[in-house]
C-alpha atoms as a PDB file:
ATOM      1  CA  UNK A   1     -50.402 -16.144  -4.880  1.00  0.00           C
ATOM      2  CA  UNK A   2     -47.580 -13.949  -6.178  1.00  0.00           C
ATOM      3  CA  UNK A   3     -44.624 -13.526  -3.841  1.00  0.00           C
ATOM      4  CA  UNK A   4     -43.088 -10.053  -3.797  1.00  0.00           C
ATOM      5  CA  UNK A   5     -39.303 -10.273  -3.692  1.00  0.00           C
ATOM      6  CA  UNK A   6     -37.641  -8.670  -0.699  1.00  0.00           C
ATOM      7  CA  UNK A   7     -36.181  -5.250  -1.516  1.00  0.00           C
ATOM      8  CA  UNK A   8     -32.427  -5.145  -1.850  1.00  0.00           C
ATOM      9  CA  UNK A   9     -30.529  -3.339   0.879  1.00  0.00           C
ATOM     10  CA  UNK A  10     -29.053  -0.032  -0.294  1.00  0.00           C
ATOM     11  CA  UNK A  11     -25.274   0.218  -0.638  1.00  0.00           C
ATOM     12  CA  UNK A  12     -23.123   3.111  -1.760  1.00  0.00           C
ATOM     13  CA  UNK A  13     -19.988   2.193  -3.711  1.00  0.00           C
ATOM     14  CA  UNK A  14     -17.139   4.697  -3.784  1.00  0.00           C
ATOM     15  CA  UNK A  15     -14.912   4.009  -6.773  1.00  0.00           C
ATOM     16  CA  UNK A  16     -11.344   5.247  -6.461  1.00  0.00           C
ATOM     17  CA  UNK A  17      -9.904   7.199  -9.342  1.00  0.00           C
ATOM     18  CA  UNK A  18      -7.237   6.640 -10.428  1.00  0.00           C
ATOM     19  CA  UNK A  19      -7.251   2.852 -10.158  1.00  0.00           C
ATOM     20  CA  UNK A  20      -6.147  -0.126 -12.217  1.00  0.00           C
ATOM     21  CA  UNK A  21      -3.647  -0.185 -15.049  1.00  0.00           C
ATOM     22  CA  UNK A  22      -0.679   2.166 -14.903  1.00  0.00           C
ATOM     23  CA  UNK A  23       1.344   3.253 -17.929  1.00  0.00           C
ATOM     24  CA  UNK A  24       4.060   0.645 -17.315  1.00  0.00           C
ATOM     25  CA  UNK A  25       1.576  -2.235 -17.149  1.00  0.00           C
ATOM     26  CA  UNK A  26      -0.320  -0.984 -20.190  1.00  0.00           C
ATOM     27  CA  UNK A  27       2.959  -0.775 -22.130  1.00  0.00           C
ATOM     28  CA  UNK A  28       4.028  -4.290 -21.099  1.00  0.00           C
ATOM     29  CA  UNK A  29       0.732  -5.852 -22.203  1.00  0.00           C
ATOM     30  CA  UNK A  30       0.880  -3.925 -25.490  1.00  0.00           C
ATOM     31  CA  UNK A  31       4.370  -5.308 -26.100  1.00  0.00           C
ATOM     32  CA  UNK A  32       3.125  -8.897 -25.836  1.00  0.00           C
ATOM     33  CA  UNK A  33       0.046  -8.186 -27.970  1.00  0.00           C
ATOM     34  CA  UNK A  34       2.039  -6.417 -30.675  1.00  0.00           C
ATOM     35  CA  UNK A  35       4.764  -9.077 -30.676  1.00  0.00           C
ATOM     36  CA  UNK A  36       2.119 -11.761 -31.227  1.00  0.00           C
ATOM     37  CA  UNK A  37       0.599  -9.688 -34.020  1.00  0.00           C
ATOM     38  CA  UNK A  38       3.940  -9.002 -35.697  1.00  0.00           C
ATOM     39  CA  UNK A  39       5.803 -12.282 -35.213  1.00  0.00           C
ATOM     40  CA  UNK A  40       2.986 -14.770 -34.641  1.00  0.00           C
ATOM     41  CA  UNK A  41       2.672 -17.387 -31.900  1.00  0.00           C
ATOM     42  CA  UNK A  42       4.370 -18.572 -29.855  1.00  0.00           C
ATOM     43  CA  UNK A  43       5.982 -15.615 -28.155  1.00  0.00           C
ATOM     44  CA  UNK A  44       7.813 -16.497 -24.939  1.00  0.00           C
ATOM     45  CA  UNK A  45       7.524 -14.322 -21.834  1.00  0.00           C
ATOM     46  CA  UNK A  46       9.946 -14.667 -18.936  1.00  0.00           C
ATOM     47  CA  UNK A  47       7.862 -14.514 -15.744  1.00  0.00           C
ATOM     48  CA  UNK A  48       4.254 -13.243 -15.657  1.00  0.00           C
ATOM     49  CA  UNK A  49       4.261 -10.095 -17.778  1.00  0.00           C
ATOM     50  CA  UNK A  50       2.324  -8.442 -14.918  1.00  0.00           C
ATOM     51  CA  UNK A  51       0.955  -9.971 -11.737  1.00  0.00           C
ATOM     52  CA  UNK A  52      -2.620 -10.649 -12.779  1.00  0.00           C
ATOM     53  CA  UNK A  53      -4.017 -14.086 -13.615  1.00  0.00           C
ATOM     54  CA  UNK A  54      -6.782 -12.716 -15.873  1.00  0.00           C
ATOM     55  CA  UNK A  55      -4.269 -10.782 -17.969  1.00  0.00           C
ATOM     56  CA  UNK A  56      -1.808 -13.673 -18.140  1.00  0.00           C
ATOM     57  CA  UNK A  57      -4.499 -16.181 -19.156  1.00  0.00           C
ATOM     58  CA  UNK A  58      -5.791 -13.821 -21.834  1.00  0.00           C
ATOM     59  CA  UNK A  59      -2.318 -13.505 -23.356  1.00  0.00           C
ATOM     60  CA  UNK A  60      -1.715 -17.245 -23.028  1.00  0.00           C
ATOM     61  CA  UNK A  61      -4.890 -17.878 -25.029  1.00  0.00           C
ATOM     62  CA  UNK A  62      -3.490 -15.650 -27.791  1.00  0.00           C
ATOM     63  CA  UNK A  63      -0.247 -17.630 -27.967  1.00  0.00           C
ATOM     64  CA  UNK A  64       2.053 -16.284 -25.263  1.00  0.00           C
ATOM     65  CA  UNK A  65       4.057 -18.939 -23.424  1.00  0.00           C
ATOM     66  CA  UNK A  66       5.150 -18.013 -19.901  1.00  0.00           C
ATOM     67  CA  UNK A  67       8.360 -19.405 -18.439  1.00  0.00           C
ATOM     68  CA  UNK A  68      10.388 -18.602 -15.346  1.00  0.00           C
ATOM     69  CA  UNK A  69      13.838 -19.087 -16.884  1.00  0.00           C
ATOM     70  CA  UNK A  70      15.287 -18.882 -20.377  1.00  0.00           C
ATOM     71  CA  UNK A  71      16.418 -22.510 -20.320  1.00  0.00           C
ATOM     72  CA  UNK A  72      12.726 -23.528 -20.390  1.00  0.00           C
ATOM     73  CA  UNK A  73      12.468 -22.105 -23.914  1.00  0.00           C
ATOM     74  CA  UNK A  74      13.014 -25.044 -26.302  1.00  0.00           C
ATOM     75  CA  UNK A  75      13.795 -23.018 -29.461  1.00  0.00           C
ATOM     76  CA  UNK A  76      16.085 -20.115 -30.342  1.00  0.00           C
ATOM     77  CA  UNK A  77      14.084 -18.584 -33.194  1.00  0.00           C
ATOM     78  CA  UNK A  78      11.097 -17.101 -31.339  1.00  0.00           C
ATOM     79  CA  UNK A  79      10.787 -13.719 -29.592  1.00  0.00           C
ATOM     80  CA  UNK A  80      11.315 -13.541 -25.839  1.00  0.00           C
ATOM     81  CA  UNK A  81       9.844 -10.770 -23.693  1.00  0.00           C
ATOM     82  CA  UNK A  82      11.095  -9.738 -20.245  1.00  0.00           C
ATOM     83  CA  UNK A  83       8.356  -8.820 -17.782  1.00  0.00           C
ATOM     84  CA  UNK A  84       7.448  -5.343 -16.516  1.00  0.00           C
ATOM     85  CA  UNK A  85       9.210  -6.068 -13.210  1.00  0.00           C
ATOM     86  CA  UNK A  86      12.675  -6.038 -14.778  1.00  0.00           C
ATOM     87  CA  UNK A  87      15.369  -8.712 -14.836  1.00  0.00           C
ATOM     88  CA  UNK A  88      18.936  -9.122 -13.567  1.00  0.00           C
ATOM     89  CA  UNK A  89      21.698  -8.243 -16.050  1.00  0.00           C
ATOM     90  CA  UNK A  90      22.487 -11.939 -16.354  1.00  0.00           C
ATOM     91  CA  UNK A  91      19.200 -12.573 -18.195  1.00  0.00           C
ATOM     92  CA  UNK A  92      19.782 -10.437 -21.328  1.00  0.00           C
ATOM     93  CA  UNK A  93      23.397 -11.631 -21.289  1.00  0.00           C
ATOM     94  CA  UNK A  94      22.195 -15.245 -21.395  1.00  0.00           C
ATOM     95  CA  UNK A  95      19.722 -14.356 -24.146  1.00  0.00           C
ATOM     96  CA  UNK A  96      22.513 -12.853 -26.262  1.00  0.00           C
ATOM     97  CA  UNK A  97      24.653 -15.974 -25.792  1.00  0.00           C
ATOM     98  CA  UNK A  98      21.780 -18.004 -27.292  1.00  0.00           C
ATOM     99  CA  UNK A  99      21.263 -15.382 -30.005  1.00  0.00           C
ATOM    100  CA  UNK A 100      17.679 -14.943 -28.839  1.00  0.00           C
ATOM    101  CA  UNK A 101      15.678 -12.001 -30.108  1.00  0.00           C
ATOM    102  CA  UNK A 102      14.273 -10.300 -27.007  1.00  0.00           C
ATOM    103  CA  UNK A 103      12.057  -7.367 -26.162  1.00  0.00           C
ATOM    104  CA  UNK A 104      12.366  -5.669 -22.794  1.00  0.00           C
ATOM    105  CA  UNK A 105       8.992  -4.781 -21.243  1.00  0.00           C
ATOM    106  CA  UNK A 106      10.580  -3.505 -18.022  1.00  0.00           C
ATOM    107  CA  UNK A 107       8.635  -0.497 -16.746  1.00  0.00           C
ATOM    108  CA  UNK A 108      10.694   2.638 -17.484  1.00  0.00           C
ATOM    109  CA  UNK A 109      10.299   3.680 -13.844  1.00  0.00           C
ATOM    110  CA  UNK A 110      11.912   0.393 -12.757  1.00  0.00           C
ATOM    111  CA  UNK A 111      14.659   0.954 -15.330  1.00  0.00           C
ATOM    112  CA  UNK A 112      15.249   4.342 -13.693  1.00  0.00           C
ATOM    113  CA  UNK A 113      15.992   2.578 -10.386  1.00  0.00           C
ATOM    114  CA  UNK A 114      18.359   0.179 -12.198  1.00  0.00           C
ATOM    115  CA  UNK A 115      20.278   3.154 -13.611  1.00  0.00           C
ATOM    116  CA  UNK A 116      20.448   4.756 -10.161  1.00  0.00           C
ATOM    117  CA  UNK A 117      21.969   1.579  -8.698  1.00  0.00           C
ATOM    118  CA  UNK A 118      24.579   1.402 -11.450  1.00  0.00           C
ATOM    119  CA  UNK A 119      25.441   5.097 -11.073  1.00  0.00           C
ATOM    120  CA  UNK A 120      25.814   4.827  -7.281  1.00  0.00           C
ATOM    121  CA  UNK A 121      28.108   1.833  -7.751  1.00  0.00           C
ATOM    122  CA  UNK A 122      30.246   3.734 -10.252  1.00  0.00           C
ATOM    123  CA  UNK A 123      30.576   6.489  -7.684  1.00  0.00           C
ATOM    124  CA  UNK A 124      31.736   3.841  -5.194  1.00  0.00           C
ATOM    125  CA  UNK A 125      28.763   4.188  -2.888  1.00  0.00           C
ATOM    126  CA  UNK A 126      27.411   1.373  -0.731  1.00  0.00           C
ATOM    127  CA  UNK A 127      23.806   0.807  -1.848  1.00  0.00           C
ATOM    128  CA  UNK A 128      20.740   0.060   0.271  1.00  0.00           C
ATOM    129  CA  UNK A 129      17.613  -1.119  -1.536  1.00  0.00           C
ATOM    130  CA  UNK A 130      14.310  -0.696   0.300  1.00  0.00           C
ATOM    131  CA  UNK A 131      12.064  -3.525  -0.869  1.00  0.00           C
ATOM    132  CA  UNK A 132      10.675  -7.019  -0.345  1.00  0.00           C
ATOM    133  CA  UNK A 133      12.974 -10.026  -0.591  1.00  0.00           C
ATOM    134  CA  UNK A 134      12.211 -12.315  -3.513  1.00  0.00           C
ATOM    135  CA  UNK A 135       9.947  -9.897  -5.385  1.00  0.00           C
ATOM    136  CA  UNK A 136      10.880  -9.992  -9.109  1.00  0.00           C
ATOM    137  CA  UNK A 137      11.539  -6.248  -9.161  1.00  0.00           C
ATOM    138  CA  UNK A 138      13.940  -6.528  -6.215  1.00  0.00           C
ATOM    139  CA  UNK A 139      15.681  -9.530  -7.773  1.00  0.00           C
ATOM    140  CA  UNK A 140      16.083  -7.549 -10.994  1.00  0.00           C
ATOM    141  CA  UNK A 141      17.396  -4.419  -9.299  1.00  0.00           C
ATOM    142  CA  UNK A 142      19.879  -6.269  -7.088  1.00  0.00           C
ATOM    143  CA  UNK A 143      20.940  -8.222 -10.168  1.00  0.00           C
ATOM    144  CA  UNK A 144      22.163  -5.101 -11.949  1.00  0.00           C
ATOM    145  CA  UNK A 145      25.353  -5.366  -9.886  1.00  0.00           C
ATOM    146  CA  UNK A 146      27.614  -8.173  -8.646  1.00  0.00           C
ATOM    147  CA  UNK A 147      26.376 -10.098  -5.620  1.00  0.00           C
ATOM    148  CA  UNK A 148      26.965  -8.273  -2.349  1.00  0.00           C
ATOM    149  CA  UNK A 149      26.964  -4.753  -3.796  1.00  0.00           C
ATOM    150  CA  UNK A 150      23.365  -4.052  -2.727  1.00  0.00           C
ATOM    151  CA  UNK A 151      21.975  -4.589   0.803  1.00  0.00           C
ATOM    152  CA  UNK A 152      18.222  -5.167   1.173  1.00  0.00           C
ATOM    153  CA  UNK A 153      16.267  -3.206   3.784  1.00  0.00           C
ATOM    154  CA  UNK A 154      12.757  -4.626   4.250  1.00  0.00           C
ATOM    155  CA  UNK A 155      11.574  -3.055   7.505  1.00  0.00           C
ATOM    156  CA  UNK A 156      12.107  -0.145   9.859  1.00  0.00           C
ATOM    157  CA  UNK A 157      13.894  -2.576  12.195  1.00  0.00           C
ATOM    158  CA  UNK A 158      16.282  -3.506   9.368  1.00  0.00           C
ATOM    159  CA  UNK A 159      17.058   0.202   8.985  1.00  0.00           C
ATOM    160  CA  UNK A 160      17.737   0.549  12.732  1.00  0.00           C
ATOM    161  CA  UNK A 161      20.207  -2.342  12.908  1.00  0.00           C
ATOM    162  CA  UNK A 162      21.938  -1.998   9.520  1.00  0.00           C
ATOM    163  CA  UNK A 163      25.700  -1.588   9.731  1.00  0.00           C
ATOM    164  CA  UNK A 164      27.688  -0.463   6.682  1.00  0.00           C
ATOM    165  CA  UNK A 165      30.120  -3.001   5.231  1.00  0.00           C
ATOM    166  CA  UNK A 166      32.556  -0.313   4.080  1.00  0.00           C
ATOM    167  CA  UNK A 167      33.546   3.260   4.829  1.00  0.00           C
ATOM    168  CA  UNK A 168      32.061   4.390   1.515  1.00  0.00           C
ATOM    169  CA  UNK A 169      29.214   6.890   1.348  1.00  0.00           C
ATOM    170  CA  UNK A 170      25.813   5.214   1.531  1.00  0.00           C
ATOM    171  CA  UNK A 171      22.962   5.610  -0.975  1.00  0.00           C
ATOM    172  CA  UNK A 172      19.387   4.350  -0.850  1.00  0.00           C
ATOM    173  CA  UNK A 173      17.010   3.352  -3.640  1.00  0.00           C
ATOM    174  CA  UNK A 174      13.630   1.622  -3.446  1.00  0.00           C
ATOM    175  CA  UNK A 175      11.236  -0.799  -5.066  1.00  0.00           C
ATOM    176  CA  UNK A 176       8.625   1.173  -7.020  1.00  0.00           C
ATOM    177  CA  UNK A 177       5.496  -0.492  -5.575  1.00  0.00           C
ATOM    178  CA  UNK A 178       5.969  -0.045  -1.831  1.00  0.00           C
ATOM    179  CA  UNK A 179       3.757   1.600   0.771  1.00  0.00           C
ATOM    180  CA  UNK A 180       4.567   5.299   0.732  1.00  0.00           C
ATOM    181  CA  UNK A 181       4.178   5.483   4.531  1.00  0.00           C
ATOM    182  CA  UNK A 182       6.340   2.446   5.285  1.00  0.00           C
ATOM    183  CA  UNK A 183       9.089   3.701   3.005  1.00  0.00           C
ATOM    184  CA  UNK A 184       8.926   7.163   4.573  1.00  0.00           C
ATOM    185  CA  UNK A 185       9.526   5.667   8.021  1.00  0.00           C
ATOM    186  CA  UNK A 186      12.486   3.600   6.804  1.00  0.00           C
ATOM    187  CA  UNK A 187      14.037   6.579   5.000  1.00  0.00           C
ATOM    188  CA  UNK A 188      13.664   8.785   8.072  1.00  0.00           C
ATOM    189  CA  UNK A 189      15.536   6.212  10.165  1.00  0.00           C
ATOM    190  CA  UNK A 190      18.310   5.844   7.591  1.00  0.00           C
ATOM    191  CA  UNK A 191      18.729   9.591   7.146  1.00  0.00           C
ATOM    192  CA  UNK A 192      18.806  10.150  10.887  1.00  0.00           C
ATOM    193  CA  UNK A 193      21.450   7.446  11.367  1.00  0.00           C
ATOM    194  CA  UNK A 194      23.439   8.357   8.239  1.00  0.00           C
ATOM    195  CA  UNK A 195      22.969  12.095   7.529  1.00  0.00           C
ATOM    196  CA  UNK A 196      25.130  12.036   4.386  1.00  0.00           C
ATOM    197  CA  UNK A 197      23.285   9.134   2.718  1.00  0.00           C
ATOM    198  CA  UNK A 198      22.543   9.885  -0.946  1.00  0.00           C
ATOM    199  CA  UNK A 199      18.922   9.661  -2.070  1.00  0.00           C
ATOM    200  CA  UNK A 200      17.100   9.561  -5.418  1.00  0.00           C
ATOM    201  CA  UNK A 201      16.714  12.906  -7.203  1.00  0.00           C
ATOM    202  CA  UNK A 202      13.088  11.921  -7.698  1.00  0.00           C
ATOM    203  CA  UNK A 203      11.101   9.482  -5.541  1.00  0.00           C
ATOM    204  CA  UNK A 204      11.536   5.853  -6.663  1.00  0.00           C
ATOM    205  CA  UNK A 205       7.981   4.890  -5.682  1.00  0.00           C
ATOM    206  CA  UNK A 206       6.104   5.285  -8.945  1.00  0.00           C
ATOM    207  CA  UNK A 207       3.431   7.897  -9.580  1.00  0.00           C
ATOM    208  CA  UNK A 208       0.742   5.216  -9.988  1.00  0.00           C
ATOM    209  CA  UNK A 209       1.502   3.560  -6.654  1.00  0.00           C
ATOM    210  CA  UNK A 210       1.457   6.953  -4.916  1.00  0.00           C
ATOM    211  CA  UNK A 211      -1.769   8.075  -6.613  1.00  0.00           C
ATOM    212  CA  UNK A 212      -3.639   4.848  -5.887  1.00  0.00           C
ATOM    213  CA  UNK A 213      -2.596   4.856  -2.246  1.00  0.00           C
ATOM    214  CA  UNK A 214      -3.651   8.500  -1.882  1.00  0.00           C
ATOM    215  CA  UNK A 215      -7.083   7.700  -3.362  1.00  0.00           C
ATOM    216  CA  UNK A 216      -7.536   4.834  -0.889  1.00  0.00           C
ATOM    217  CA  UNK A 217      -6.600   7.096   2.027  1.00  0.00           C
ATOM    218  CA  UNK A 218      -9.220   9.583   0.842  1.00  0.00           C
ATOM    219  CA  UNK A 219     -12.144   7.148   0.867  1.00  0.00           C
ATOM    220  CA  UNK A 220     -11.165   4.568   3.528  1.00  0.00           C
ATOM    221  CA  UNK A 221     -12.449   6.560   6.537  1.00  0.00           C
ATOM    222  CA  UNK A 222     -15.852   6.816   4.830  1.00  0.00           C
ATOM    223  CA  UNK A 223     -16.171   3.080   4.117  1.00  0.00           C
ATOM    224  CA  UNK A 224     -17.533   0.158   6.133  1.00  0.00           C
ATOM    225  CA  UNK A 225     -15.604  -2.213   3.845  1.00  0.00           C
ATOM    226  CA  UNK A 226     -13.112  -1.966   0.990  1.00  0.00           C
ATOM    227  CA  UNK A 227     -12.213  -4.188  -1.932  1.00  0.00           C
ATOM    228  CA  UNK A 228      -8.870  -4.006  -3.707  1.00  0.00           C
ATOM    229  CA  UNK A 229      -9.090  -5.809  -7.030  1.00  0.00           C
ATOM    230  CA  UNK A 230      -5.748  -7.483  -7.547  1.00  0.00           C
ATOM    231  CA  UNK A 231      -3.649 -10.620  -7.325  1.00  0.00           C
ATOM    232  CA  UNK A 232      -2.174 -12.015  -4.097  1.00  0.00           C
ATOM    233  CA  UNK A 233       1.328 -11.836  -5.622  1.00  0.00           C
ATOM    234  CA  UNK A 234       0.910  -8.192  -6.669  1.00  0.00           C
ATOM    235  CA  UNK A 235       2.977  -5.990  -4.364  1.00  0.00           C
ATOM    236  CA  UNK A 236       1.143  -2.758  -5.154  1.00  0.00           C
ATOM    237  CA  UNK A 237      -2.264  -4.441  -4.659  1.00  0.00           C
ATOM    238  CA  UNK A 238      -1.275  -5.846  -1.267  1.00  0.00           C
ATOM    239  CA  UNK A 239      -0.008  -2.425  -0.205  1.00  0.00           C
ATOM    240  CA  UNK A 240      -3.355  -0.861  -1.219  1.00  0.00           C
ATOM    241  CA  UNK A 241      -5.219  -3.256   1.060  1.00  0.00           C
ATOM    242  CA  UNK A 242      -2.866  -2.432   3.938  1.00  0.00           C
ATOM    243  CA  UNK A 243      -3.226   1.293   3.295  1.00  0.00           C
ATOM    244  CA  UNK A 244      -7.010   1.013   3.391  1.00  0.00           C
ATOM    245  CA  UNK A 245      -6.897  -0.839   6.696  1.00  0.00           C
ATOM    246  CA  UNK A 246      -4.502   1.674   8.257  1.00  0.00           C
ATOM    247  CA  UNK A 247      -6.518   4.622   6.951  1.00  0.00           C
ATOM    248  CA  UNK A 248      -9.590   3.582   8.919  1.00  0.00           C
ATOM    249  CA  UNK A 249     -11.381   0.763   7.090  1.00  0.00           C
ATOM    250  CA  UNK A 250     -11.119  -2.346   9.274  1.00  0.00           C
ATOM    251  CA  UNK A 251     -12.646  -4.619   6.623  1.00  0.00           C
ATOM    252  CA  UNK A 252     -10.321  -4.384   3.616  1.00  0.00           C
ATOM    253  CA  UNK A 253     -10.157  -7.327   1.220  1.00  0.00           C
ATOM    254  CA  UNK A 254      -7.855  -8.264  -1.664  1.00  0.00           C
ATOM    255  CA  UNK A 255      -9.978 -10.022  -4.299  1.00  0.00           C
ATOM    256  CA  UNK A 256      -9.110 -11.228  -7.805  1.00  0.00           C
ATOM    257  CA  UNK A 257     -12.587 -11.941  -9.190  1.00  0.00           C
ATOM    258  CA  UNK A 258     -16.236 -11.514  -8.187  1.00  0.00           C
ATOM    259  CA  UNK A 259     -16.450 -15.269  -7.583  1.00  0.00           C
ATOM    260  CA  UNK A 260     -14.126 -14.837  -4.570  1.00  0.00           C
ATOM    261  CA  UNK A 261     -16.474 -12.486  -2.710  1.00  0.00           C
ATOM    262  CA  UNK A 262     -17.810 -13.921   0.567  1.00  0.00           C
ATOM    263  CA  UNK A 263     -21.104 -12.101   0.879  1.00  0.00           C
ATOM    264  CA  UNK A 264     -21.281 -12.646   4.619  1.00  0.00           C
ATOM    265  CA  UNK A 265     -18.470 -10.104   4.930  1.00  0.00           C
ATOM    266  CA  UNK A 266     -20.772  -7.409   3.566  1.00  0.00           C
ATOM    267  CA  UNK A 267     -23.897  -7.928   5.663  1.00  0.00           C
ATOM    268  CA  UNK A 268     -25.089  -4.618   7.116  1.00  0.00           C
ATOM    269  CA  UNK A 269     -22.501  -2.651   5.149  1.00  0.00           C
ATOM    270  CA  UNK A 270     -23.693   0.764   3.940  1.00  0.00           C
ATOM    271  CA  UNK A 271     -20.635   2.134   2.094  1.00  0.00           C
ATOM    272  CA  UNK A 272     -18.060   0.107   0.168  1.00  0.00           C
ATOM    273  CA  UNK A 273     -14.856   1.391  -1.385  1.00  0.00           C
ATOM    274  CA  UNK A 274     -13.440  -0.256  -4.511  1.00  0.00           C
ATOM    275  CA  UNK A 275     -10.057   0.242  -6.119  1.00  0.00           C
ATOM    276  CA  UNK A 276      -7.746  -1.862  -8.254  1.00  0.00           C
ATOM    277  CA  UNK A 277      -4.032  -2.541  -8.262  1.00  0.00           C
ATOM    278  CA  UNK A 278      -1.906  -1.268 -11.132  1.00  0.00           C
ATOM    279  CA  UNK A 279      -1.958  -4.663 -12.877  1.00  0.00           C
ATOM    280  CA  UNK A 280      -5.743  -5.251 -12.603  1.00  0.00           C
ATOM    281  CA  UNK A 281      -7.851  -4.537 -15.711  1.00  0.00           C
ATOM    282  CA  UNK A 282     -10.996  -2.418 -15.444  1.00  0.00           C
ATOM    283  CA  UNK A 283     -13.173  -5.304 -16.637  1.00  0.00           C
ATOM    284  CA  UNK A 284     -12.606  -7.020 -13.266  1.00  0.00           C
ATOM    285  CA  UNK A 285     -13.748  -3.893 -11.400  1.00  0.00           C
ATOM    286  CA  UNK A 286     -16.889  -3.810 -13.556  1.00  0.00           C
ATOM    287  CA  UNK A 287     -17.468  -7.509 -12.850  1.00  0.00           C
ATOM    288  CA  UNK A 288     -17.363  -6.901  -9.094  1.00  0.00           C
ATOM    289  CA  UNK A 289     -19.638  -3.848  -9.287  1.00  0.00           C
ATOM    290  CA  UNK A 290     -22.181  -5.921 -11.242  1.00  0.00           C
ATOM    291  CA  UNK A 291     -21.996  -8.678  -8.625  1.00  0.00           C
ATOM    292  CA  UNK A 292     -22.873  -6.103  -5.964  1.00  0.00           C
ATOM    293  CA  UNK A 293     -25.790  -4.875  -8.089  1.00  0.00           C
ATOM    294  CA  UNK A 294     -27.191  -8.413  -7.985  1.00  0.00           C
ATOM    295  CA  UNK A 295     -27.148  -8.388  -4.171  1.00  0.00           C
ATOM    296  CA  UNK A 296     -27.741  -4.728  -3.290  1.00  0.00           C
ATOM    297  CA  UNK A 297     -29.442  -1.579  -4.501  1.00  0.00           C
ATOM    298  CA  UNK A 298     -26.226   0.134  -5.562  1.00  0.00           C
ATOM    299  CA  UNK A 299     -25.478   3.835  -5.778  1.00  0.00           C
ATOM    300  CA  UNK A 300     -22.176   4.444  -7.559  1.00  0.00           C
ATOM    301  CA  UNK A 301     -19.909   7.434  -6.946  1.00  0.00           C
ATOM    302  CA  UNK A 302     -16.431   8.006  -8.373  1.00  0.00           C
ATOM    303  CA  UNK A 303     -13.965   9.816  -6.113  1.00  0.00           C
ATOM    304  CA  UNK A 304     -11.186  11.388  -8.190  1.00  0.00           C
ATOM    305  CA  UNK A 305      -8.002  12.445  -6.406  1.00  0.00           C
ATOM    306  CA  UNK A 306      -5.603  12.721  -9.368  1.00  0.00           C
ATOM    307  CA  UNK A 307      -5.559  12.767 -13.162  1.00  0.00           C
ATOM    308  CA  UNK A 308      -3.099  10.552 -15.019  1.00  0.00           C
ATOM    309  CA  UNK A 309      -1.990  11.133 -18.612  1.00  0.00           C
ATOM    310  CA  UNK A 310       1.405   9.403 -18.607  1.00  0.00           C
ATOM    311  CA  UNK A 311       2.393   7.020 -21.398  1.00  0.00           C
ATOM    312  CA  UNK A 312       5.663   5.290 -22.283  1.00  0.00           C
ATOM    313  CA  UNK A 313       7.184   4.583 -25.689  1.00  0.00           C
ATOM    314  CA  UNK A 314       7.131   1.064 -27.081  1.00  0.00           C
ATOM    315  CA  UNK A 315      10.385  -0.670 -28.083  1.00  0.00           C
ATOM    316  CA  UNK A 316      11.563   0.543 -31.489  1.00  0.00           C
ATOM    317  CA  UNK A 317      11.152  -2.972 -32.938  1.00  0.00           C
ATOM    318  CA  UNK A 318       7.403  -2.732 -32.395  1.00  0.00           C
ATOM    319  CA  UNK A 319       7.115   0.830 -33.679  1.00  0.00           C
ATOM    320  CA  UNK A 320       8.581  -0.199 -37.039  1.00  0.00           C
ATOM    321  CA  UNK A 321       6.582  -1.482 -39.996  1.00  0.00           C
ATOM    322  CA  UNK A 322       5.216  -5.029 -39.566  1.00  0.00           C
ATOM    323  CA  UNK A 323       7.479  -7.857 -40.678  1.00  0.00           C
ATOM    324  CA  UNK A 324       6.571  -9.477 -44.014  1.00  0.00           C
ATOM    325  CA  UNK A 325       4.338 -12.546 -43.726  1.00  0.00           C
ATOM    326  CA  UNK A 326       6.331 -15.641 -42.804  1.00  0.00           C
ATOM    327  CA  UNK A 327       9.354 -13.714 -41.549  1.00  0.00           C
ATOM    328  CA  UNK A 328      10.643 -14.979 -38.228  1.00  0.00           C
ATOM    329  CA  UNK A 329      11.965 -12.748 -35.432  1.00  0.00           C
ATOM    330  CA  UNK A 330      15.444 -14.172 -35.793  1.00  0.00           C
ATOM    331  CA  UNK A 331      15.824 -13.383 -39.508  1.00  0.00           C
END
């Protein structure tokens, strides 16, 4: 007797667009790939080039070696790449002292915040950085200036109780991957308390973070559950999950790979939203969609809230003609 398989329950998947890689992440990964192609392996990378295990493992398999500090690099004649999150000024200074050849993969939008901090300091302003303590981008931004020149504001409560150290004019800058709503609340408090505080000419939160959060807000009220594809140490991915929850989707999950899905969480669900953090490759989104196809009768719909056509230039060293075979980076 032939057993008829039970029909799969129908599920509608709303795919956020834009999602996934931003221009800064794409540029950083290209820098590692091109450096490996031009100079050969190994190429050293200080910190994860972007916060995504799949991406990091893929580059490691090609010959990238990831370290947290320059003193972990045993040789002086191989290229070193600084991650997309940016580094304190002390890092390139240390690299120059060792005569290391380095390539800076810092996202240009993070570099913009670095320049703002330096400019405010030159104008003798007391600087407040809105961000998360210990995040590599925050460490890099605060490290553009001597210790004590930048005060970190993490929460609205921090903004309410902050007291200036000097009688200088205040200025605020921010981490690029924050929640737009959280930052707005903090800025409103600071500007109410300190009406003359200087602010960025253009918002420090990057276009990709803003666009991805807006897309999540658009679909979250329509979803029974949401998945953000991203790493647990990715700031922008964590903010996307929080935004989805606040925007009306009580079941919002941060997942790296399809293997992490707990299917019990999706019993009885009719509509699922899927997006990806700015450091998550599209192949992981496709993997998760296929996993849902195995369990459900899936209808796929893309919800587009913005178009992105931004790209950033590569370092001049990688735009030049390839080095002759056998030539090392230090020659």
